[in-house]
Amino acid sequence: QVQLVESGRGLVQAGGSLRLSCAVSGRTTSSTNMGWFRQAPGKEREFVAAIARSGTSDYRDSVKGRFTVARDNARNTIYLQMNSLEPEDTAVYYCAARKLYFSDRSREIKDYSYWGQGTQVTVSS
């Protein structure tokens, strides 16, 4: 059974940094295409970043150059390093994993079968 557990929640000022972690069990990160999504109050969940098992990554435009997705296969964990945070980045952040038979990452929520419980990120102005 695949389980994802996020950590790294926090309250930071605009311009600050935060790193989120997603510990994976029941699956190796080296074999899994994974993504980060977020949901702000009153808004729909949206794509943030994804990392393919090949190592390639993808980002939504508003976080390009500020966020970096990475993985540590030895720790079976993926990370989202967030720099230059803005109040608009305030949301609950979720990591997600695709099923093994999919060969690439995706920006679509429907393409992910496994989800973490989410972790709160609050950026004050």
PDB file of N, CA and C in Angstrom:
ATOM      1  N   GLN A   1       0.850  -1.188   0.000  1.00  0.00           N
ATOM      2  CA  GLN A   1       0.000   0.000   0.000  1.00  0.00           C
ATOM      3  C   GLN A   1       0.891   1.244   0.000  1.00  0.00           C
ATOM      4  N   VAL A   2       0.581   2.168  -0.895  1.00  0.00           N
ATOM      5  CA  VAL A   2       1.373   3.382  -1.008  1.00  0.00           C
ATOM      6  C   VAL A   2       0.866   4.418  -0.003  1.00  0.00           C
ATOM      7  N   GLN A   3       1.788   4.970   0.756  1.00  0.00           N
ATOM      8  CA  GLN A   3       1.440   6.037   1.694  1.00  0.00           C
ATOM      9  C   GLN A   3       2.382   7.206   1.506  1.00  0.00           C
ATOM     10  N   LEU A   4       1.815   8.402   1.571  1.00  0.00           N
ATOM     11  CA  LEU A   4       2.580   9.632   1.412  1.00  0.00           C
ATOM     12  C   LEU A   4       2.337  10.494   2.640  1.00  0.00           C
ATOM     13  N   VAL A   5       3.405  10.979   3.248  1.00  0.00           N
ATOM     14  CA  VAL A   5       3.272  11.807   4.446  1.00  0.00           C
ATOM     15  C   VAL A   5       4.075  13.084   4.249  1.00  0.00           C
ATOM     16  N   GLU A   6       3.357  14.210   4.188  1.00  0.00           N
ATOM     17  CA  GLU A   6       4.026  15.502   4.032  1.00  0.00           C
ATOM     18  C   GLU A   6       4.439  16.053   5.389  1.00  0.00           C
ATOM     19  N   SER A   7       5.471  16.873   5.353  1.00  0.00           N
ATOM     20  CA  SER A   7       5.894  17.609   6.539  1.00  0.00           C
ATOM     21  C   SER A   7       6.536  18.910   6.083  1.00  0.00           C
ATOM     22  N   GLY A   8       6.743  19.805   7.043  1.00  0.00           N
ATOM     23  CA  GLY A   8       7.383  21.076   6.717  1.00  0.00           C
ATOM     24  C   GLY A   8       6.451  22.265   6.757  1.00  0.00           C
ATOM     25  N   ARG A   9       5.277  22.072   7.337  1.00  0.00           N
ATOM     26  CA  ARG A   9       4.327  23.180   7.387  1.00  0.00           C
ATOM     27  C   ARG A   9       4.932  24.360   8.127  1.00  0.00           C
ATOM     28  N   GLY A  10       4.460  25.582   7.756  1.00  0.00           N
ATOM     29  CA  GLY A  10       4.996  26.717   8.469  1.00  0.00           C
ATOM     30  C   GLY A  10       4.358  28.025   8.081  1.00  0.00           C
ATOM     31  N   LEU A  11       4.681  29.021   8.886  1.00  0.00           N
ATOM     32  CA  LEU A  11       4.263  30.400   8.661  1.00  0.00           C
ATOM     33  C   LEU A  11       5.529  31.206   8.415  1.00  0.00           C
ATOM     34  N   VAL A  12       5.604  31.841   7.245  1.00  0.00           N
ATOM     35  CA  VAL A  12       6.783  32.628   6.904  1.00  0.00           C
ATOM     36  C   VAL A  12       6.348  33.983   6.372  1.00  0.00           C
ATOM     37  N   GLN A  13       7.257  34.930   6.412  1.00  0.00           N
ATOM     38  CA  GLN A  13       6.985  36.240   5.835  1.00  0.00           C
ATOM     39  C   GLN A  13       7.256  36.207   4.333  1.00  0.00           C
ATOM     40  N   ALA A  14       6.631  37.100   3.634  1.00  0.00           N
ATOM     41  CA  ALA A  14       6.874  37.215   2.197  1.00  0.00           C
ATOM     42  C   ALA A  14       8.366  37.389   1.945  1.00  0.00           C
ATOM     43  N   GLY A  15       8.851  36.677   0.942  1.00  0.00           N
ATOM     44  CA  GLY A  15      10.269  36.698   0.633  1.00  0.00           C
ATOM     45  C   GLY A  15      11.054  35.594   1.304  1.00  0.00           C
ATOM     46  N   GLY A  16      10.423  34.904   2.231  1.00  0.00           N
ATOM     47  CA  GLY A  16      11.094  33.841   2.949  1.00  0.00           C
ATOM     48  C   GLY A  16      11.091  32.522   2.193  1.00  0.00           C
ATOM     49  N   SER A  17      11.638  31.501   2.858  1.00  0.00           N
ATOM     50  CA  SER A  17      11.771  30.182   2.241  1.00  0.00           C
ATOM     51  C   SER A  17      11.218  29.109   3.164  1.00  0.00           C
ATOM     52  N   LEU A  18      10.854  28.007   2.542  1.00  0.00           N
ATOM     53  CA  LEU A  18      10.347  26.856   3.281  1.00  0.00           C
ATOM     54  C   LEU A  18      10.607  25.616   2.433  1.00  0.00           C
ATOM     55  N   ARG A  19      10.890  24.507   3.099  1.00  0.00           N
ATOM     56  CA  ARG A  19      11.051  23.257   2.367  1.00  0.00           C
ATOM     57  C   ARG A  19      10.031  22.246   2.866  1.00  0.00           C
ATOM     58  N   LEU A  20       9.263  21.713   1.945  1.00  0.00           N
ATOM     59  CA  LEU A  20       8.310  20.654   2.251  1.00  0.00           C
ATOM     60  C   LEU A  20       8.923  19.302   1.904  1.00  0.00           C
ATOM     61  N   SER A  21       8.582  18.310   2.701  1.00  0.00           N
ATOM     62  CA  SER A  21       9.033  16.946   2.452  1.00  0.00           C
ATOM     63  C   SER A  21       7.824  16.043   2.277  1.00  0.00           C
ATOM     64  N   CYS A  22       8.007  14.993   1.503  1.00  0.00           N
ATOM     65  CA  CYS A  22       6.978  13.976   1.318  1.00  0.00           C
ATOM     66  C   CYS A  22       7.652  12.616   1.415  1.00  0.00           C
ATOM     67  N   ALA A  23       7.429  11.942   2.536  1.00  0.00           N
ATOM     68  CA  ALA A  23       8.005  10.622   2.735  1.00  0.00           C
ATOM     69  C   ALA A  23       7.094   9.579   2.106  1.00  0.00           C
ATOM     70  N   VAL A  24       7.690   8.699   1.311  1.00  0.00           N
ATOM     71  CA  VAL A  24       6.932   7.705   0.557  1.00  0.00           C
ATOM     72  C   VAL A  24       7.187   6.315   1.131  1.00  0.00           C
ATOM     73  N   SER A  25       6.129   5.557   1.321  1.00  0.00           N
ATOM     74  CA  SER A  25       6.275   4.159   1.712  1.00  0.00           C
ATOM     75  C   SER A  25       5.414   3.306   0.788  1.00  0.00           C
ATOM     76  N   GLY A  26       5.835   2.041   0.623  1.00  0.00           N
ATOM     77  CA  GLY A  26       5.098   1.147  -0.248  1.00  0.00           C
ATOM     78  C   GLY A  26       5.461   1.282  -1.713  1.00  0.00           C
ATOM     79  N   ARG A  27       6.421   2.132  -1.989  1.00  0.00           N
ATOM     80  CA  ARG A  27       6.837   2.409  -3.365  1.00  0.00           C
ATOM     81  C   ARG A  27       8.186   3.113  -3.297  1.00  0.00           C
ATOM     82  N   THR A  28       9.033   2.880  -4.296  1.00  0.00           N
ATOM     83  CA  THR A  28      10.307   3.605  -4.326  1.00  0.00           C
ATOM     84  C   THR A  28      10.149   4.887  -5.139  1.00  0.00           C
ATOM     85  N   THR A  29      10.733   5.956  -4.656  1.00  0.00           N
ATOM     86  CA  THR A  29      10.646   7.226  -5.391  1.00  0.00           C
ATOM     87  C   THR A  29      11.330   7.133  -6.738  1.00  0.00           C
ATOM     88  N   SER A  30      12.313   6.261  -6.860  1.00  0.00           N
ATOM     89  CA  SER A  30      13.028   6.128  -8.132  1.00  0.00           C
ATOM     90  C   SER A  30      12.150   5.539  -9.231  1.00  0.00           C
ATOM     91  N   SER A  31      11.061   4.876  -8.856  1.00  0.00           N
ATOM     92  CA  SER A  31      10.198   4.225  -9.844  1.00  0.00           C
ATOM     93  C   SER A  31       8.876   4.957 -10.051  1.00  0.00           C
ATOM     94  N   THR A  32       8.722   6.099  -9.383  1.00  0.00           N
ATOM     95  CA  THR A  32       7.407   6.742  -9.322  1.00  0.00           C
ATOM     96  C   THR A  32       7.431   8.161  -9.865  1.00  0.00           C
ATOM     97  N   ASN A  33       6.442   8.484 -10.659  1.00  0.00           N
ATOM     98  CA  ASN A  33       6.229   9.857 -11.096  1.00  0.00           C
ATOM     99  C   ASN A  33       5.392  10.567 -10.042  1.00  0.00           C
ATOM    100  N   MET A  34       5.868  11.690  -9.559  1.00  0.00           N
ATOM    101  CA  MET A  34       5.217  12.335  -8.422  1.00  0.00           C
ATOM    102  C   MET A  34       4.970  13.813  -8.681  1.00  0.00           C
ATOM    103  N   GLY A  35       4.037  14.361  -7.911  1.00  0.00           N
ATOM    104  CA  GLY A  35       3.699  15.760  -8.085  1.00  0.00           C
ATOM    105  C   GLY A  35       3.395  16.450  -6.771  1.00  0.00           C
ATOM    106  N   TRP A  36       3.436  17.766  -6.816  1.00  0.00           N
ATOM    107  CA  TRP A  36       2.996  18.624  -5.715  1.00  0.00           C
ATOM    108  C   TRP A  36       1.819  19.463  -6.224  1.00  0.00           C
ATOM    109  N   PHE A  37       0.799  19.556  -5.386  1.00  0.00           N
ATOM    110  CA  PHE A  37      -0.373  20.359  -5.685  1.00  0.00           C
ATOM    111  C   PHE A  37      -0.668  21.220  -4.467  1.00  0.00           C
ATOM    112  N   ARG A  38      -1.523  22.226  -4.658  1.00  0.00           N
ATOM    113  CA  ARG A  38      -1.910  23.059  -3.525  1.00  0.00           C
ATOM    114  C   ARG A  38      -3.357  23.487  -3.669  1.00  0.00           C
ATOM    115  N   GLN A  39      -3.941  23.809  -2.522  1.00  0.00           N
ATOM    116  CA  GLN A  39      -5.318  24.276  -2.512  1.00  0.00           C
ATOM    117  C   GLN A  39      -5.454  25.409  -1.520  1.00  0.00           C
ATOM    118  N   ALA A  40      -5.778  26.579  -2.040  1.00  0.00           N
ATOM    119  CA  ALA A  40      -6.008  27.751  -1.203  1.00  0.00           C
ATOM    120  C   ALA A  40      -7.467  27.788  -0.772  1.00  0.00           C
ATOM    121  N   PRO A  41      -7.767  28.482   0.326  1.00  0.00           N
ATOM    122  CA  PRO A  41      -9.158  28.549   0.793  1.00  0.00           C
ATOM    123  C   PRO A  41     -10.092  29.075  -0.291  1.00  0.00           C
ATOM    124  N   GLY A  42     -11.169  28.354  -0.518  1.00  0.00           N
ATOM    125  CA  GLY A  42     -12.157  28.776  -1.490  1.00  0.00           C
ATOM    126  C   GLY A  42     -11.770  28.564  -2.936  1.00  0.00           C
ATOM    127  N   LYS A  43     -10.638  27.909  -3.158  1.00  0.00           N
ATOM    128  CA  LYS A  43     -10.183  27.692  -4.538  1.00  0.00           C
ATOM    129  C   LYS A  43     -10.011  26.201  -4.813  1.00  0.00           C
ATOM    130  N   GLU A  44      -9.927  25.887  -6.086  1.00  0.00           N
ATOM    131  CA  GLU A  44      -9.724  24.498  -6.461  1.00  0.00           C
ATOM    132  C   GLU A  44      -8.253  24.107  -6.299  1.00  0.00           C
ATOM    133  N   ARG A  45      -8.046  22.826  -6.134  1.00  0.00           N
ATOM    134  CA  ARG A  45      -6.680  22.318  -6.056  1.00  0.00           C
ATOM    135  C   ARG A  45      -5.993  22.535  -7.404  1.00  0.00           C
ATOM    136  N   GLU A  46      -4.714  22.918  -7.347  1.00  0.00           N
ATOM    137  CA  GLU A  46      -3.989  23.207  -8.585  1.00  0.00           C
ATOM    138  C   GLU A  46      -2.602  22.594  -8.571  1.00  0.00           C
ATOM    139  N   PHE A  47      -2.119  22.358  -9.752  1.00  0.00           N
ATOM    140  CA  PHE A  47      -0.786  21.809  -9.947  1.00  0.00           C
ATOM    141  C   PHE A  47       0.275  22.826  -9.546  1.00  0.00           C
ATOM    142  N   VAL A  48       1.355  22.341  -8.915  1.00  0.00           N
ATOM    143  CA  VAL A  48       2.478  23.199  -8.554  1.00  0.00           C
ATOM    144  C   VAL A  48       3.741  22.737  -9.270  1.00  0.00           C
ATOM    145  N   ALA A  49       4.081  21.460  -9.082  1.00  0.00           N
ATOM    146  CA  ALA A  49       5.321  20.936  -9.661  1.00  0.00           C
ATOM    147  C   ALA A  49       5.222  19.430  -9.760  1.00  0.00           C
ATOM    148  N   ALA A  50       6.031  18.862 -10.626  1.00  0.00           N
ATOM    149  CA  ALA A  50       6.069  17.410 -10.767  1.00  0.00           C
ATOM    150  C   ALA A  50       7.477  16.967 -11.102  1.00  0.00           C
ATOM    151  N   ILE A  51       7.789  15.764 -10.686  1.00  0.00           N
ATOM    152  CA  ILE A  51       9.080  15.174 -11.029  1.00  0.00           C
ATOM    153  C   ILE A  51       8.828  13.763 -11.534  1.00  0.00           C
ATOM    154  N   ALA A  52       9.375  13.489 -12.702  1.00  0.00           N
ATOM    155  CA  ALA A  52       9.216  12.169 -13.304  1.00  0.00           C
ATOM    156  C   ALA A  52      10.254  11.215 -12.737  1.00  0.00           C
ATOM    157  N   ARG A  53      10.017   9.943 -12.891  1.00  0.00           N
ATOM    158  CA  ARG A  53      11.000   8.965 -12.420  1.00  0.00           C
ATOM    159  C   ARG A  53      12.294   9.076 -13.211  1.00  0.00           C
ATOM    160  N   SER A  54      12.216   9.679 -14.389  1.00  0.00           N
ATOM    161  CA  SER A  54      13.428   9.931 -15.178  1.00  0.00           C
ATOM    162  C   SER A  54      14.256  11.071 -14.581  1.00  0.00           C
ATOM    163  N   GLY A  55      13.613  11.852 -13.708  1.00  0.00           N
ATOM    164  CA  GLY A  55      14.306  12.984 -13.091  1.00  0.00           C
ATOM    165  C   GLY A  55      13.928  14.331 -13.658  1.00  0.00           C
ATOM    166  N   THR A  56      13.201  14.332 -14.781  1.00  0.00           N
ATOM    167  CA  THR A  56      12.781  15.617 -15.347  1.00  0.00           C
ATOM    168  C   THR A  56      11.693  16.237 -14.478  1.00  0.00           C
ATOM    169  N   SER A  57      11.589  17.546 -14.520  1.00  0.00           N
ATOM    170  CA  SER A  57      10.639  18.246 -13.663  1.00  0.00           C
ATOM    171  C   SER A  57       9.815  19.249 -14.470  1.00  0.00           C
ATOM    172  N   ASP A  58       8.739  19.693 -13.859  1.00  0.00           N
ATOM    173  CA  ASP A  58       7.806  20.612 -14.512  1.00  0.00           C
ATOM    174  C   ASP A  58       7.213  21.499 -13.429  1.00  0.00           C
ATOM    175  N   TYR A  59       6.909  22.762 -13.769  1.00  0.00           N
ATOM    176  CA  TYR A  59       6.393  23.716 -12.797  1.00  0.00           C
ATOM    177  C   TYR A  59       5.290  24.567 -13.413  1.00  0.00           C
ATOM    178  N   ARG A  60       4.372  24.996 -12.554  1.00  0.00           N
ATOM    179  CA  ARG A  60       3.428  25.988 -13.032  1.00  0.00           C
ATOM    180  C   ARG A  60       4.176  27.304 -13.184  1.00  0.00           C
ATOM    181  N   ASP A  61       3.671  28.148 -14.086  1.00  0.00           N
ATOM    182  CA  ASP A  61       4.407  29.360 -14.423  1.00  0.00           C
ATOM    183  C   ASP A  61       4.682  30.258 -13.221  1.00  0.00           C
ATOM    184  N   SER A  62       3.717  30.358 -12.320  1.00  0.00           N
ATOM    185  CA  SER A  62       3.850  31.319 -11.221  1.00  0.00           C
ATOM    186  C   SER A  62       4.922  30.941 -10.199  1.00  0.00           C
ATOM    187  N   VAL A  63       5.411  29.701 -10.253  1.00  0.00           N
ATOM    188  CA  VAL A  63       6.444  29.296  -9.289  1.00  0.00           C
ATOM    189  C   VAL A  63       7.788  29.022  -9.940  1.00  0.00           C
ATOM    190  N   LYS A  64       7.841  29.107 -11.256  1.00  0.00           N
ATOM    191  CA  LYS A  64       9.108  28.856 -11.951  1.00  0.00           C
ATOM    192  C   LYS A  64      10.163  29.845 -11.484  1.00  0.00           C
ATOM    193  N   GLY A  65      11.348  29.330 -11.211  1.00  0.00           N
ATOM    194  CA  GLY A  65      12.431  30.168 -10.727  1.00  0.00           C
ATOM    195  C   GLY A  65      12.412  30.389  -9.229  1.00  0.00           C
ATOM    196  N   ARG A  66      11.313  30.013  -8.561  1.00  0.00           N
ATOM    197  CA  ARG A  66      11.213  30.168  -7.109  1.00  0.00           C
ATOM    198  C   ARG A  66      11.147  28.819  -6.397  1.00  0.00           C
ATOM    199  N   PHE A  67      10.473  27.860  -6.993  1.00  0.00           N
ATOM    200  CA  PHE A  67      10.301  26.538  -6.383  1.00  0.00           C
ATOM    201  C   PHE A  67      11.158  25.519  -7.111  1.00  0.00           C
ATOM    202  N   THR A  68      11.631  24.531  -6.357  1.00  0.00           N
ATOM    203  CA  THR A  68      12.394  23.434  -6.938  1.00  0.00           C
ATOM    204  C   THR A  68      11.909  22.116  -6.344  1.00  0.00           C
ATOM    205  N   VAL A  69      11.589  21.179  -7.211  1.00  0.00           N
ATOM    206  CA  VAL A  69      11.201  19.837  -6.760  1.00  0.00           C
ATOM    207  C   VAL A  69      12.416  18.921  -6.923  1.00  0.00           C
ATOM    208  N   ALA A  70      12.617  18.086  -5.921  1.00  0.00           N
ATOM    209  CA  ALA A  70      13.762  17.178  -5.947  1.00  0.00           C
ATOM    210  C   ALA A  70      13.404  15.908  -5.200  1.00  0.00           C
ATOM    211  N   ARG A  71      14.210  14.909  -5.360  1.00  0.00           N
ATOM    212  CA  ARG A  71      13.961  13.669  -4.631  1.00  0.00           C
ATOM    213  C   ARG A  71      15.276  13.104  -4.106  1.00  0.00           C
ATOM    214  N   ASP A  72      15.162  12.378  -3.021  1.00  0.00           N
ATOM    215  CA  ASP A  72      16.282  11.666  -2.421  1.00  0.00           C
ATOM    216  C   ASP A  72      15.880  10.200  -2.384  1.00  0.00           C
ATOM    217  N   ASN A  73      16.381   9.436  -3.324  1.00  0.00           N
ATOM    218  CA  ASN A  73      15.975   8.032  -3.418  1.00  0.00           C
ATOM    219  C   ASN A  73      16.468   7.215  -2.215  1.00  0.00           C
ATOM    220  N   ALA A  74      17.564   7.607  -1.641  1.00  0.00           N
ATOM    221  CA  ALA A  74      18.070   6.884  -0.476  1.00  0.00           C
ATOM    222  C   ALA A  74      17.119   7.038   0.717  1.00  0.00           C
ATOM    223  N   ARG A  75      16.482   8.190   0.795  1.00  0.00           N
ATOM    224  CA  ARG A  75      15.520   8.442   1.877  1.00  0.00           C
ATOM    225  C   ARG A  75      14.076   8.169   1.439  1.00  0.00           C
ATOM    226  N   ASN A  76      13.903   7.864   0.162  1.00  0.00           N
ATOM    227  CA  ASN A  76      12.556   7.632  -0.387  1.00  0.00           C
ATOM    228  C   ASN A  76      11.640   8.819  -0.094  1.00  0.00           C
ATOM    229  N   THR A  77      12.153   9.989  -0.380  1.00  0.00           N
ATOM    230  CA  THR A  77      11.463  11.235  -0.046  1.00  0.00           C
ATOM    231  C   THR A  77      11.598  12.208  -1.217  1.00  0.00           C
ATOM    232  N   ILE A  78      10.512  12.960  -1.461  1.00  0.00           N
ATOM    233  CA  ILE A  78      10.618  14.073  -2.410  1.00  0.00           C
ATOM    234  C   ILE A  78      10.451  15.378  -1.651  1.00  0.00           C
ATOM    235  N   TYR A  79      10.977  16.434  -2.216  1.00  0.00           N
ATOM    236  CA  TYR A  79      11.002  17.726  -1.557  1.00  0.00           C
ATOM    237  C   TYR A  79      10.451  18.806  -2.486  1.00  0.00           C
ATOM    238  N   LEU A  80       9.960  19.851  -1.862  1.00  0.00           N
ATOM    239  CA  LEU A  80       9.601  21.061  -2.602  1.00  0.00           C
ATOM    240  C   LEU A  80      10.261  22.221  -1.873  1.00  0.00           C
ATOM    241  N   GLN A  81      11.324  22.732  -2.462  1.00  0.00           N
ATOM    242  CA  GLN A  81      11.999  23.892  -1.904  1.00  0.00           C
ATOM    243  C   GLN A  81      11.326  25.134  -2.452  1.00  0.00           C
ATOM    244  N   MET A  82      10.849  25.971  -1.557  1.00  0.00           N
ATOM    245  CA  MET A  82      10.095  27.163  -1.953  1.00  0.00           C
ATOM    246  C   MET A  82      10.843  28.403  -1.473  1.00  0.00           C
ATOM    247  N   ASN A  83      11.279  29.216  -2.410  1.00  0.00           N
ATOM    248  CA  ASN A  83      11.988  30.457  -2.116  1.00  0.00           C
ATOM    249  C   ASN A  83      11.165  31.652  -2.584  1.00  0.00           C
ATOM    250  N   SER A  84      11.531  32.811  -2.093  1.00  0.00           N
ATOM    251  CA  SER A  84      10.846  34.049  -2.478  1.00  0.00           C
ATOM    252  C   SER A  84       9.332  33.893  -2.380  1.00  0.00           C
ATOM    253  N   LEU A  85       8.896  33.370  -1.264  1.00  0.00           N
ATOM    254  CA  LEU A  85       7.468  33.084  -1.096  1.00  0.00           C
ATOM    255  C   LEU A  85       6.637  34.360  -1.113  1.00  0.00           C
ATOM    256  N   GLU A  86       5.440  34.226  -1.650  1.00  0.00           N
ATOM    257  CA  GLU A  86       4.502  35.336  -1.777  1.00  0.00           C
ATOM    258  C   GLU A  86       3.216  34.975  -1.043  1.00  0.00           C
ATOM    259  N   PRO A  87       2.464  35.970  -0.585  1.00  0.00           N
ATOM    260  CA  PRO A  87       1.182  35.658   0.079  1.00  0.00           C
ATOM    261  C   PRO A  87       0.269  34.778  -0.780  1.00  0.00           C
ATOM    262  N   GLU A  88       0.376  34.906  -2.090  1.00  0.00           N
ATOM    263  CA  GLU A  88      -0.443  34.089  -2.991  1.00  0.00           C
ATOM    264  C   GLU A  88      -0.076  32.606  -2.954  1.00  0.00           C
ATOM    265  N   ASP A  89       1.051  32.291  -2.344  1.00  0.00           N
ATOM    266  CA  ASP A  89       1.455  30.887  -2.205  1.00  0.00           C
ATOM    267  C   ASP A  89       0.801  30.211  -1.001  1.00  0.00           C
ATOM    268  N   THR A  90       0.079  30.966  -0.209  1.00  0.00           N
ATOM    269  CA  THR A  90      -0.606  30.403   0.959  1.00  0.00           C
ATOM    270  C   THR A  90      -1.618  29.360   0.531  1.00  0.00           C
ATOM    271  N   ALA A  91      -1.478  28.154   1.071  1.00  0.00           N
ATOM    272  CA  ALA A  91      -2.361  27.050   0.685  1.00  0.00           C
ATOM    273  C   ALA A  91      -1.994  25.818   1.502  1.00  0.00           C
ATOM    274  N   VAL A  92      -2.825  24.804   1.374  1.00  0.00           N
ATOM    275  CA  VAL A  92      -2.455  23.467   1.836  1.00  0.00           C
ATOM    276  C   VAL A  92      -1.767  22.777   0.660  1.00  0.00           C
ATOM    277  N   TYR A  93      -0.589  22.252   0.910  1.00  0.00           N
ATOM    278  CA  TYR A  93       0.197  21.608  -0.127  1.00  0.00           C
ATOM    279  C   TYR A  93       0.116  20.092   0.023  1.00  0.00           C
ATOM    280  N   TYR A  94      -0.086  19.426  -1.116  1.00  0.00           N
ATOM    281  CA  TYR A  94      -0.231  17.972  -1.149  1.00  0.00           C
ATOM    282  C   TYR A  94       0.813  17.365  -2.082  1.00  0.00           C
ATOM    283  N   CYS A  95       1.377  16.244  -1.683  1.00  0.00           N
ATOM    284  CA  CYS A  95       2.156  15.477  -2.641  1.00  0.00           C
ATOM    285  C   CYS A  95       1.291  14.324  -3.140  1.00  0.00           C
ATOM    286  N   ALA A  96       1.616  13.853  -4.314  1.00  0.00           N
ATOM    287  CA  ALA A  96       0.808  12.820  -4.951  1.00  0.00           C
ATOM    288  C   ALA A  96       1.702  11.922  -5.796  1.00  0.00           C
ATOM    289  N   ALA A  97       1.236  10.693  -6.005  1.00  0.00           N
ATOM    290  CA  ALA A  97       1.995   9.725  -6.790  1.00  0.00           C
ATOM    291  C   ALA A  97       1.095   9.079  -7.839  1.00  0.00           C
ATOM    292  N   ARG A  98       1.691   8.792  -8.991  1.00  0.00           N
ATOM    293  CA  ARG A  98       0.969   8.099 -10.043  1.00  0.00           C
ATOM    294  C   ARG A  98       1.164   6.601  -9.884  1.00  0.00           C
ATOM    295  N   LYS A  99       0.289   5.845 -10.512  1.00  0.00           N
ATOM    296  CA  LYS A  99       0.465   4.399 -10.529  1.00  0.00           C
ATOM    297  C   LYS A  99       1.684   4.039 -11.372  1.00  0.00           C
ATOM    298  N   LEU A 100       2.252   2.872 -11.082  1.00  0.00           N
ATOM    299  CA  LEU A 100       3.536   2.491 -11.661  1.00  0.00           C
ATOM    300  C   LEU A 100       3.527   2.391 -13.180  1.00  0.00           C
ATOM    301  N   TYR A 101       2.389   2.008 -13.767  1.00  0.00           N
ATOM    302  CA  TYR A 101       2.420   1.750 -15.208  1.00  0.00           C
ATOM    303  C   TYR A 101       2.397   3.024 -16.049  1.00  0.00           C
ATOM    304  N   PHE A 102       2.271   4.192 -15.392  1.00  0.00           N
ATOM    305  CA  PHE A 102       2.379   5.442 -16.126  1.00  0.00           C
ATOM    306  C   PHE A 102       3.845   5.833 -16.245  1.00  0.00           C
ATOM    307  N   SER A 103       4.233   6.231 -17.435  1.00  0.00           N
ATOM    308  CA  SER A 103       5.654   6.416 -17.696  1.00  0.00           C
ATOM    309  C   SER A 103       6.151   7.829 -17.442  1.00  0.00           C
ATOM    310  N   ASP A 104       5.263   8.789 -17.192  1.00  0.00           N
ATOM    311  CA  ASP A 104       5.726  10.166 -17.106  1.00  0.00           C
ATOM    312  C   ASP A 104       4.970  10.932 -16.035  1.00  0.00           C
ATOM    313  N   ARG A 105       5.419  12.121 -15.745  1.00  0.00           N
ATOM    314  CA  ARG A 105       4.753  12.999 -14.806  1.00  0.00           C
ATOM    315  C   ARG A 105       3.497  13.586 -15.473  1.00  0.00           C
ATOM    316  N   SER A 106       2.713  14.309 -14.692  1.00  0.00           N
ATOM    317  CA  SER A 106       1.498  14.920 -15.218  1.00  0.00           C
ATOM    318  C   SER A 106       1.152  16.155 -14.403  1.00  0.00           C
ATOM    319  N   ARG A 107       0.407  17.073 -15.010  1.00  0.00           N
ATOM    320  CA  ARG A 107      -0.116  18.239 -14.313  1.00  0.00           C
ATOM    321  C   ARG A 107      -1.555  18.033 -13.869  1.00  0.00           C
ATOM    322  N   GLU A 108      -2.135  16.902 -14.227  1.00  0.00           N
ATOM    323  CA  GLU A 108      -3.564  16.685 -13.997  1.00  0.00           C
ATOM    324  C   GLU A 108      -3.819  15.965 -12.684  1.00  0.00           C
ATOM    325  N   ILE A 109      -4.721  16.510 -11.884  1.00  0.00           N
ATOM    326  CA  ILE A 109      -5.078  15.887 -10.615  1.00  0.00           C
ATOM    327  C   ILE A 109      -5.591  14.479 -10.827  1.00  0.00           C
ATOM    328  N   LYS A 110      -6.392  14.286 -11.863  1.00  0.00           N
ATOM    329  CA  LYS A 110      -7.007  12.978 -12.114  1.00  0.00           C
ATOM    330  C   LYS A 110      -5.999  11.895 -12.440  1.00  0.00           C
ATOM    331  N   ASP A 111      -4.794  12.275 -12.782  1.00  0.00           N
ATOM    332  CA  ASP A 111      -3.777  11.286 -13.150  1.00  0.00           C
ATOM    333  C   ASP A 111      -3.035  10.717 -11.947  1.00  0.00           C
ATOM    334  N   TYR A 112      -3.324  11.228 -10.765  1.00  0.00           N
ATOM    335  CA  TYR A 112      -2.642  10.778  -9.558  1.00  0.00           C
ATOM    336  C   TYR A 112      -3.577   9.933  -8.704  1.00  0.00           C
ATOM    337  N   SER A 113      -3.072   8.796  -8.248  1.00  0.00           N
ATOM    338  CA  SER A 113      -3.907   7.857  -7.503  1.00  0.00           C
ATOM    339  C   SER A 113      -3.687   7.899  -6.002  1.00  0.00           C
ATOM    340  N   TYR A 114      -2.537   8.389  -5.590  1.00  0.00           N
ATOM    341  CA  TYR A 114      -2.194   8.377  -4.171  1.00  0.00           C
ATOM    342  C   TYR A 114      -1.872   9.795  -3.718  1.00  0.00           C
ATOM    343  N   TRP A 115      -2.400  10.153  -2.530  1.00  0.00           N
ATOM    344  CA  TRP A 115      -2.276  11.516  -2.024  1.00  0.00           C
ATOM    345  C   TRP A 115      -1.878  11.514  -0.562  1.00  0.00           C
ATOM    346  N   GLY A 116      -1.098  12.510  -0.194  1.00  0.00           N
ATOM    347  CA  GLY A 116      -0.814  12.728   1.213  1.00  0.00           C
ATOM    348  C   GLY A 116      -1.950  13.499   1.868  1.00  0.00           C
ATOM    349  N   GLN A 117      -1.778  13.749   3.163  1.00  0.00           N
ATOM    350  CA  GLN A 117      -2.837  14.410   3.920  1.00  0.00           C
ATOM    351  C   GLN A 117      -2.788  15.919   3.794  1.00  0.00           C
ATOM    352  N   GLY A 118      -1.686  16.447   3.264  1.00  0.00           N
ATOM    353  CA  GLY A 118      -1.546  17.880   3.089  1.00  0.00           C
ATOM    354  C   GLY A 118      -0.833  18.542   4.246  1.00  0.00           C
ATOM    355  N   THR A 119      -0.165  19.645   3.945  1.00  0.00           N
ATOM    356  CA  THR A 119       0.526  20.422   4.970  1.00  0.00           C
ATOM    357  C   THR A 119       0.322  21.907   4.681  1.00  0.00           C
ATOM    358  N   GLN A 120       0.064  22.678   5.719  1.00  0.00           N
ATOM    359  CA  GLN A 120      -0.294  24.084   5.566  1.00  0.00           C
ATOM    360  C   GLN A 120       0.939  24.961   5.409  1.00  0.00           C
ATOM    361  N   VAL A 121       0.871  25.828   4.409  1.00  0.00           N
ATOM    362  CA  VAL A 121       1.887  26.856   4.212  1.00  0.00           C
ATOM    363  C   VAL A 121       1.183  28.206   4.234  1.00  0.00           C
ATOM    364  N   THR A 122       1.628  29.081   5.121  1.00  0.00           N
ATOM    365  CA  THR A 122       1.035  30.407   5.230  1.00  0.00           C
ATOM    366  C   THR A 122       2.129  31.454   5.050  1.00  0.00           C
ATOM    367  N   VAL A 123       1.915  32.371   4.120  1.00  0.00           N
ATOM    368  CA  VAL A 123       2.883  33.422   3.838  1.00  0.00           C
ATOM    369  C   VAL A 123       2.239  34.759   4.179  1.00  0.00           C
ATOM    370  N   SER A 124       2.831  35.462   5.116  1.00  0.00           N
ATOM    371  CA  SER A 124       2.286  36.755   5.533  1.00  0.00           C
ATOM    372  C   SER A 124       2.944  37.896   4.756  1.00  0.00           C
ATOM    373  N   SER A 125       2.173  38.933   4.541  1.00  0.00           N
ATOM    374  CA  SER A 125       2.697  40.086   3.778  1.00  0.00           C
ATOM    375  C   SER A 125       3.377  41.092   4.675  1.00  0.00           C
TER     376      SER A 125
END
